[in-house]
């Protein structure tokens, strides 16, 4: 797998955002903490949202990489002041559990999306 780009944004309404992003991403969130947080993992993207104060809605929280093998969760700022994180999926799950004990979130194997063949699309 290598590494997957991680993007975290601040939202006003987590529950409404979950409905919208389920549609935009094409799959249900992997974990939802009602009114607080949600995470989607695909082979291309690790995307999370978190409830924010009104002045922070729509802003970038941080970016980074989900990687197969990093010894520990790390974060630092780049030359523009943007926070970058590096972590494994299991380290992220531990962070979620630490922030919201009892979520029961377990890392699932990523599914490969099957794209319809051109012939299948034309038949529809």
N, C-alpha and C. Protein backbone atom coordinates (compact mmCIF):
# COMPACT_ATOMS: atom_id res chain seq x y z
N UNK A 1 0.84 -1.19 0.00
CA UNK A 1 0.00 0.00 0.00
C UNK A 1 0.87 1.24 0.00
N UNK A 2 1.95 1.29 0.76
CA UNK A 2 2.80 2.48 0.77
C UNK A 2 2.29 3.54 1.69
N UNK A 3 1.76 4.60 1.08
CA UNK A 3 1.21 5.68 1.91
C UNK A 3 -0.04 6.26 1.27
N UNK A 4 -0.92 6.74 2.13
CA UNK A 4 -2.20 7.30 1.73
C UNK A 4 -2.25 8.73 2.23
N UNK A 5 -2.65 9.66 1.37
CA UNK A 5 -2.74 11.06 1.77
C UNK A 5 -3.83 11.24 2.81
N UNK A 6 -3.52 12.01 3.84
CA UNK A 6 -4.47 12.31 4.92
C UNK A 6 -4.84 13.78 4.87
N UNK A 7 -6.14 14.05 4.97
CA UNK A 7 -6.67 15.40 4.97
C UNK A 7 -7.68 15.50 6.10
N UNK A 8 -7.54 16.51 6.94
CA UNK A 8 -8.47 16.72 8.07
C UNK A 8 -9.00 18.14 8.00
N UNK A 9 -10.32 18.27 8.01
CA UNK A 9 -10.94 19.59 7.94
C UNK A 9 -11.89 19.81 9.12
N UNK A 10 -12.20 21.07 9.36
CA UNK A 10 -13.12 21.47 10.42
C UNK A 10 -14.50 21.72 9.81
N UNK A 11 -15.54 21.21 10.47
CA UNK A 11 -16.91 21.37 9.96
C UNK A 11 -17.83 21.90 11.05
N UNK A 12 -18.95 22.43 10.62
CA UNK A 12 -19.94 22.97 11.55
C UNK A 12 -20.85 21.87 12.08
N UNK A 13 -21.35 21.04 11.19
CA UNK A 13 -22.33 20.01 11.55
C UNK A 13 -21.78 18.66 11.09
N UNK A 14 -21.26 17.89 12.01
CA UNK A 14 -20.64 16.61 11.67
C UNK A 14 -21.66 15.67 11.04
N UNK A 15 -22.84 15.56 11.62
CA UNK A 15 -23.82 14.59 11.12
C UNK A 15 -24.27 14.92 9.69
N UNK A 16 -24.53 16.19 9.40
CA UNK A 16 -24.89 16.58 8.03
C UNK A 16 -23.71 16.37 7.09
N UNK A 17 -22.51 16.66 7.57
CA UNK A 17 -21.31 16.47 6.76
C UNK A 17 -21.08 15.00 6.44
N UNK A 18 -21.36 14.12 7.40
CA UNK A 18 -21.20 12.67 7.17
C UNK A 18 -22.09 12.24 6.00
N UNK A 19 -23.34 12.67 6.01
CA UNK A 19 -24.25 12.32 4.91
C UNK A 19 -23.69 12.80 3.58
N UNK A 20 -23.24 14.04 3.53
CA UNK A 20 -22.71 14.59 2.29
C UNK A 20 -21.44 13.88 1.84
N UNK A 21 -20.50 13.68 2.76
CA UNK A 21 -19.22 13.08 2.36
C UNK A 21 -19.35 11.59 2.07
N UNK A 22 -20.31 10.91 2.69
CA UNK A 22 -20.57 9.52 2.29
C UNK A 22 -20.86 9.48 0.78
N UNK A 23 -21.66 10.41 0.33
CA UNK A 23 -22.03 10.49 -1.10
C UNK A 23 -20.83 10.91 -1.95
N UNK A 24 -20.14 11.95 -1.54
CA UNK A 24 -19.00 12.44 -2.34
C UNK A 24 -17.87 11.42 -2.43
N UNK A 25 -17.60 10.72 -1.34
CA UNK A 25 -16.51 9.75 -1.30
C UNK A 25 -16.95 8.41 -1.88
N UNK A 26 -18.25 8.13 -1.84
CA UNK A 26 -18.76 6.90 -2.42
C UNK A 26 -18.75 5.72 -1.47
N UNK A 27 -18.67 6.00 -0.19
CA UNK A 27 -18.72 4.94 0.81
C UNK A 27 -19.09 5.56 2.16
N UNK A 28 -19.59 4.70 3.05
CA UNK A 28 -19.93 5.16 4.40
C UNK A 28 -18.65 5.41 5.19
N UNK A 29 -18.74 6.31 6.14
CA UNK A 29 -17.60 6.58 7.02
C UNK A 29 -17.22 5.32 7.77
N UNK A 30 -15.92 5.16 8.02
CA UNK A 30 -15.42 4.02 8.77
C UNK A 30 -15.76 4.12 10.25
N UNK A 31 -15.77 5.34 10.76
CA UNK A 31 -16.14 5.58 12.15
C UNK A 31 -16.80 6.96 12.23
N UNK A 32 -17.85 7.04 13.04
CA UNK A 32 -18.54 8.31 13.29
C UNK A 32 -18.72 8.45 14.80
N UNK A 33 -18.25 9.56 15.34
CA UNK A 33 -18.52 9.91 16.72
C UNK A 33 -19.59 10.99 16.63
N UNK A 34 -20.80 10.63 17.01
CA UNK A 34 -21.97 11.48 16.80
C UNK A 34 -21.71 12.94 17.18
N UNK A 35 -21.86 13.82 16.20
CA UNK A 35 -21.73 15.25 16.43
C UNK A 35 -20.32 15.75 16.65
N UNK A 36 -19.30 14.86 16.58
CA UNK A 36 -17.93 15.28 16.91
C UNK A 36 -16.89 15.00 15.83
N UNK A 37 -16.94 13.81 15.22
CA UNK A 37 -15.82 13.38 14.38
C UNK A 37 -16.27 12.28 13.43
N UNK A 38 -15.60 12.19 12.27
CA UNK A 38 -15.81 11.06 11.36
C UNK A 38 -14.55 10.85 10.54
N UNK A 39 -14.38 9.60 10.09
CA UNK A 39 -13.19 9.21 9.33
C UNK A 39 -13.59 8.29 8.19
N UNK A 40 -13.02 8.56 7.01
CA UNK A 40 -13.16 7.70 5.84
C UNK A 40 -11.76 7.27 5.42
N UNK A 41 -11.60 5.99 5.11
CA UNK A 41 -10.33 5.48 4.60
C UNK A 41 -10.59 4.79 3.27
N UNK A 42 -9.87 5.22 2.24
CA UNK A 42 -9.89 4.55 0.95
C UNK A 42 -8.44 4.24 0.57
N UNK A 43 -8.25 3.58 -0.53
CA UNK A 43 -6.88 3.28 -0.98
C UNK A 43 -6.12 4.56 -1.36
N UNK A 44 -6.85 5.64 -1.64
CA UNK A 44 -6.22 6.89 -2.05
C UNK A 44 -6.22 7.96 -0.97
N UNK A 45 -7.18 7.90 -0.04
CA UNK A 45 -7.39 9.01 0.87
C UNK A 45 -7.78 8.56 2.27
N UNK A 46 -7.21 9.22 3.25
CA UNK A 46 -7.60 9.09 4.65
C UNK A 46 -8.15 10.48 4.99
N UNK A 47 -9.47 10.59 5.16
CA UNK A 47 -10.13 11.88 5.28
C UNK A 47 -10.91 11.94 6.59
N UNK A 48 -10.67 12.98 7.37
CA UNK A 48 -11.41 13.11 8.63
C UNK A 48 -12.01 14.50 8.76
N UNK A 49 -13.12 14.54 9.50
CA UNK A 49 -13.77 15.81 9.82
C UNK A 49 -13.96 15.87 11.32
N UNK A 50 -13.97 17.10 11.83
CA UNK A 50 -14.15 17.28 13.27
C UNK A 50 -14.93 18.57 13.50
N UNK A 51 -15.83 18.52 14.47
CA UNK A 51 -16.61 19.71 14.81
C UNK A 51 -15.68 20.83 15.24
N UNK A 52 -16.01 22.04 14.76
CA UNK A 52 -15.17 23.19 15.05
C UNK A 52 -16.01 24.36 15.52
N UNK A 53 -15.34 25.32 16.12
CA UNK A 53 -16.02 26.56 16.50
C UNK A 53 -16.36 27.31 15.22
N UNK A 54 -17.38 28.18 15.26
CA UNK A 54 -17.82 28.87 14.04
C UNK A 54 -16.70 29.55 13.23
N UNK A 55 -15.72 30.10 13.88
CA UNK A 55 -14.64 30.79 13.17
C UNK A 55 -13.68 29.86 12.44
N UNK A 56 -13.73 28.57 12.77
CA UNK A 56 -12.80 27.61 12.15
C UNK A 56 -13.46 26.70 11.11
N UNK A 57 -14.78 26.81 10.94
CA UNK A 57 -15.50 25.95 10.01
C UNK A 57 -14.95 26.12 8.59
N UNK A 58 -14.72 24.99 7.93
CA UNK A 58 -14.22 25.00 6.55
C UNK A 58 -12.72 25.11 6.44
N UNK A 59 -12.05 25.20 7.56
CA UNK A 59 -10.60 25.35 7.53
C UNK A 59 -9.90 24.00 7.56
N UNK A 60 -8.69 24.01 7.04
CA UNK A 60 -7.82 22.85 7.10
C UNK A 60 -7.34 22.69 8.54
N UNK A 61 -7.49 21.48 9.08
CA UNK A 61 -6.97 21.20 10.43
C UNK A 61 -5.52 20.75 10.33
N UNK A 62 -5.29 19.78 9.44
CA UNK A 62 -3.93 19.29 9.18
C UNK A 62 -3.95 18.36 7.98
N UNK A 63 -2.77 18.00 7.49
CA UNK A 63 -2.61 17.04 6.41
C UNK A 63 -1.50 16.08 6.80
N UNK A 64 -1.29 15.08 5.99
CA UNK A 64 -0.20 14.16 6.29
C UNK A 64 -0.29 12.87 5.51
N UNK A 65 0.27 11.81 6.12
CA UNK A 65 0.33 10.51 5.47
C UNK A 65 -0.03 9.39 6.44
N UNK A 66 -0.92 8.51 5.99
CA UNK A 66 -1.10 7.22 6.64
C UNK A 66 -0.10 6.31 5.94
N UNK A 67 0.76 5.68 6.71
CA UNK A 67 1.81 4.85 6.14
C UNK A 67 1.73 3.44 6.71
N UNK A 68 2.30 2.50 5.98
CA UNK A 68 2.30 1.11 6.44
C UNK A 68 3.14 0.92 7.69
N UNK A 69 4.28 1.60 7.73
CA UNK A 69 5.23 1.30 8.80
C UNK A 69 5.98 2.56 9.23
N UNK A 70 5.49 3.19 10.26
CA UNK A 70 6.24 4.28 10.91
C UNK A 70 6.30 3.91 12.39
N UNK A 71 7.44 4.12 13.02
CA UNK A 71 7.60 3.67 14.40
C UNK A 71 6.64 4.32 15.39
N UNK A 72 6.28 5.59 15.13
CA UNK A 72 5.37 6.26 16.05
C UNK A 72 4.63 7.38 15.32
N UNK A 73 3.53 7.78 15.90
CA UNK A 73 2.74 8.91 15.40
C UNK A 73 3.60 10.16 15.53
N UNK A 74 3.77 10.91 14.42
CA UNK A 74 4.55 12.13 14.47
C UNK A 74 3.78 13.28 13.85
N UNK A 75 4.11 14.49 14.27
CA UNK A 75 3.56 15.67 13.62
C UNK A 75 4.55 16.81 13.74
N UNK A 76 4.59 17.62 12.69
CA UNK A 76 5.41 18.82 12.70
C UNK A 76 4.82 19.80 11.69
N UNK A 77 5.28 21.03 11.75
CA UNK A 77 4.78 22.07 10.85
C UNK A 77 5.76 22.29 9.71
N UNK A 78 5.19 22.55 8.53
CA UNK A 78 6.03 22.85 7.39
C UNK A 78 6.36 24.35 7.37
N UNK A 79 7.04 24.80 6.33
CA UNK A 79 7.48 26.20 6.24
C UNK A 79 6.33 27.19 6.15
N UNK A 80 5.11 26.69 5.90
CA UNK A 80 3.93 27.56 5.83
C UNK A 80 3.07 27.48 7.09
N UNK A 81 3.55 26.75 8.08
CA UNK A 81 2.82 26.63 9.33
C UNK A 81 1.73 25.58 9.30
N UNK A 82 1.69 24.76 8.25
CA UNK A 82 0.68 23.71 8.14
C UNK A 82 1.17 22.48 8.91
N UNK A 83 0.29 21.95 9.74
CA UNK A 83 0.61 20.77 10.53
C UNK A 83 0.54 19.52 9.65
N UNK A 84 1.63 18.74 9.64
CA UNK A 84 1.72 17.47 8.92
C UNK A 84 1.85 16.34 9.93
N UNK A 85 1.09 15.26 9.69
CA UNK A 85 1.16 14.08 10.54
C UNK A 85 1.61 12.87 9.72
N UNK A 86 2.27 11.93 10.39
CA UNK A 86 2.57 10.62 9.82
C UNK A 86 2.17 9.59 10.85
N UNK A 87 1.48 8.53 10.40
CA UNK A 87 0.96 7.54 11.32
C UNK A 87 0.58 6.28 10.56
N UNK A 88 0.46 5.18 11.28
CA UNK A 88 -0.12 3.95 10.72
C UNK A 88 -1.63 3.98 11.02
N UNK A 89 -2.36 3.14 10.33
CA UNK A 89 -3.80 3.06 10.59
C UNK A 89 -4.08 2.65 12.04
N UNK A 90 -3.25 1.76 12.58
CA UNK A 90 -3.44 1.33 13.97
C UNK A 90 -3.14 2.46 14.95
N UNK A 91 -2.13 3.27 14.64
CA UNK A 91 -1.82 4.42 15.51
C UNK A 91 -2.97 5.43 15.48
N UNK A 92 -3.57 5.63 14.30
CA UNK A 92 -4.70 6.54 14.20
C UNK A 92 -5.89 5.99 15.00
N UNK A 93 -6.13 4.69 14.91
CA UNK A 93 -7.22 4.08 15.68
C UNK A 93 -7.01 4.29 17.18
N UNK A 94 -5.77 4.18 17.63
CA UNK A 94 -5.46 4.42 19.05
C UNK A 94 -5.73 5.87 19.43
N UNK A 95 -5.41 6.80 18.54
CA UNK A 95 -5.68 8.22 18.78
C UNK A 95 -7.18 8.48 18.89
N UNK A 96 -7.96 7.84 18.02
CA UNK A 96 -9.41 7.98 18.06
C UNK A 96 -9.95 7.43 19.37
N UNK A 97 -9.46 6.27 19.77
CA UNK A 97 -9.91 5.66 21.02
C UNK A 97 -9.52 6.52 22.23
N UNK A 98 -8.36 7.16 22.17
CA UNK A 98 -7.93 8.02 23.28
C UNK A 98 -8.82 9.26 23.37
N UNK A 99 -9.20 9.82 22.22
CA UNK A 99 -10.03 11.03 22.20
C UNK A 99 -11.49 10.73 22.55
N UNK A 100 -11.98 9.58 22.09
CA UNK A 100 -13.38 9.19 22.31
C UNK A 100 -13.41 7.73 22.77
N UNK A 101 -13.11 7.48 24.03
CA UNK A 101 -13.11 6.10 24.53
C UNK A 101 -14.46 5.42 24.27
N UNK A 102 -14.39 4.17 23.92
CA UNK A 102 -15.62 3.42 23.71
C UNK A 102 -16.15 3.44 22.29
N UNK A 103 -15.43 4.07 21.34
CA UNK A 103 -15.92 4.06 19.96
C UNK A 103 -15.88 2.66 19.37
N UNK A 104 -14.94 1.86 19.85
CA UNK A 104 -14.82 0.50 19.32
C UNK A 104 -14.27 0.46 17.91
N UNK A 105 -13.70 1.56 17.44
CA UNK A 105 -13.19 1.60 16.07
C UNK A 105 -12.01 0.65 15.90
N UNK A 106 -12.12 -0.21 14.92
CA UNK A 106 -11.06 -1.14 14.54
C UNK A 106 -10.71 -0.89 13.07
N UNK A 107 -9.46 -0.95 12.75
CA UNK A 107 -9.01 -0.75 11.38
C UNK A 107 -9.49 -1.91 10.52
N UNK A 108 -10.12 -1.58 9.40
CA UNK A 108 -10.58 -2.59 8.45
C UNK A 108 -9.67 -2.59 7.23
N UNK A 109 -9.57 -3.74 6.62
CA UNK A 109 -8.81 -3.84 5.39
C UNK A 109 -9.49 -2.97 4.34
N UNK A 110 -8.68 -2.22 3.59
CA UNK A 110 -9.24 -1.33 2.59
C UNK A 110 -9.77 -2.10 1.39
N UNK A 111 -10.92 -1.68 0.92
CA UNK A 111 -11.55 -2.31 -0.24
C UNK A 111 -11.06 -1.62 -1.51
N UNK A 112 -10.92 -2.41 -2.54
CA UNK A 112 -10.57 -1.85 -3.84
C UNK A 112 -11.88 -1.59 -4.57
N UNK A 113 -12.07 -0.33 -4.98
CA UNK A 113 -13.28 0.00 -5.72
C UNK A 113 -13.18 -0.59 -7.11
N UNK A 114 -14.24 -1.24 -7.54
CA UNK A 114 -14.28 -1.79 -8.89
C UNK A 114 -14.95 -0.77 -9.79
N UNK A 115 -14.24 -0.37 -10.82
CA UNK A 115 -14.82 0.57 -11.77
C UNK A 115 -15.51 -0.22 -12.86
N UNK A 116 -16.63 0.32 -13.32
CA UNK A 116 -17.35 -0.34 -14.39
C UNK A 116 -16.54 -0.24 -15.68
N UNK A 117 -16.58 -1.33 -16.42
CA UNK A 117 -15.91 -1.33 -17.71
C UNK A 117 -16.68 -0.45 -18.66
N UNK A 118 -16.01 0.05 -19.67
CA UNK A 118 -16.64 0.91 -20.67
C UNK A 118 -17.86 0.23 -21.27
N UNK A 119 -17.75 -1.06 -21.60
CA UNK A 119 -18.87 -1.80 -22.20
C UNK A 119 -20.07 -1.85 -21.25
N UNK A 120 -19.80 -2.02 -19.94
CA UNK A 120 -20.88 -2.05 -18.95
C UNK A 120 -21.58 -0.70 -18.87
N UNK A 121 -20.82 0.40 -18.95
CA UNK A 121 -21.41 1.73 -18.88
C UNK A 121 -22.29 1.99 -20.08
N UNK A 122 -21.84 1.55 -21.27
CA UNK A 122 -22.61 1.79 -22.48
C UNK A 122 -23.89 0.97 -22.50
N UNK A 123 -23.91 -0.18 -21.83
CA UNK A 123 -25.08 -1.04 -21.78
C UNK A 123 -26.19 -0.47 -20.91
N UNK A 124 -25.84 0.43 -20.00
CA UNK A 124 -26.83 0.97 -19.06
C UNK A 124 -27.80 1.93 -19.71
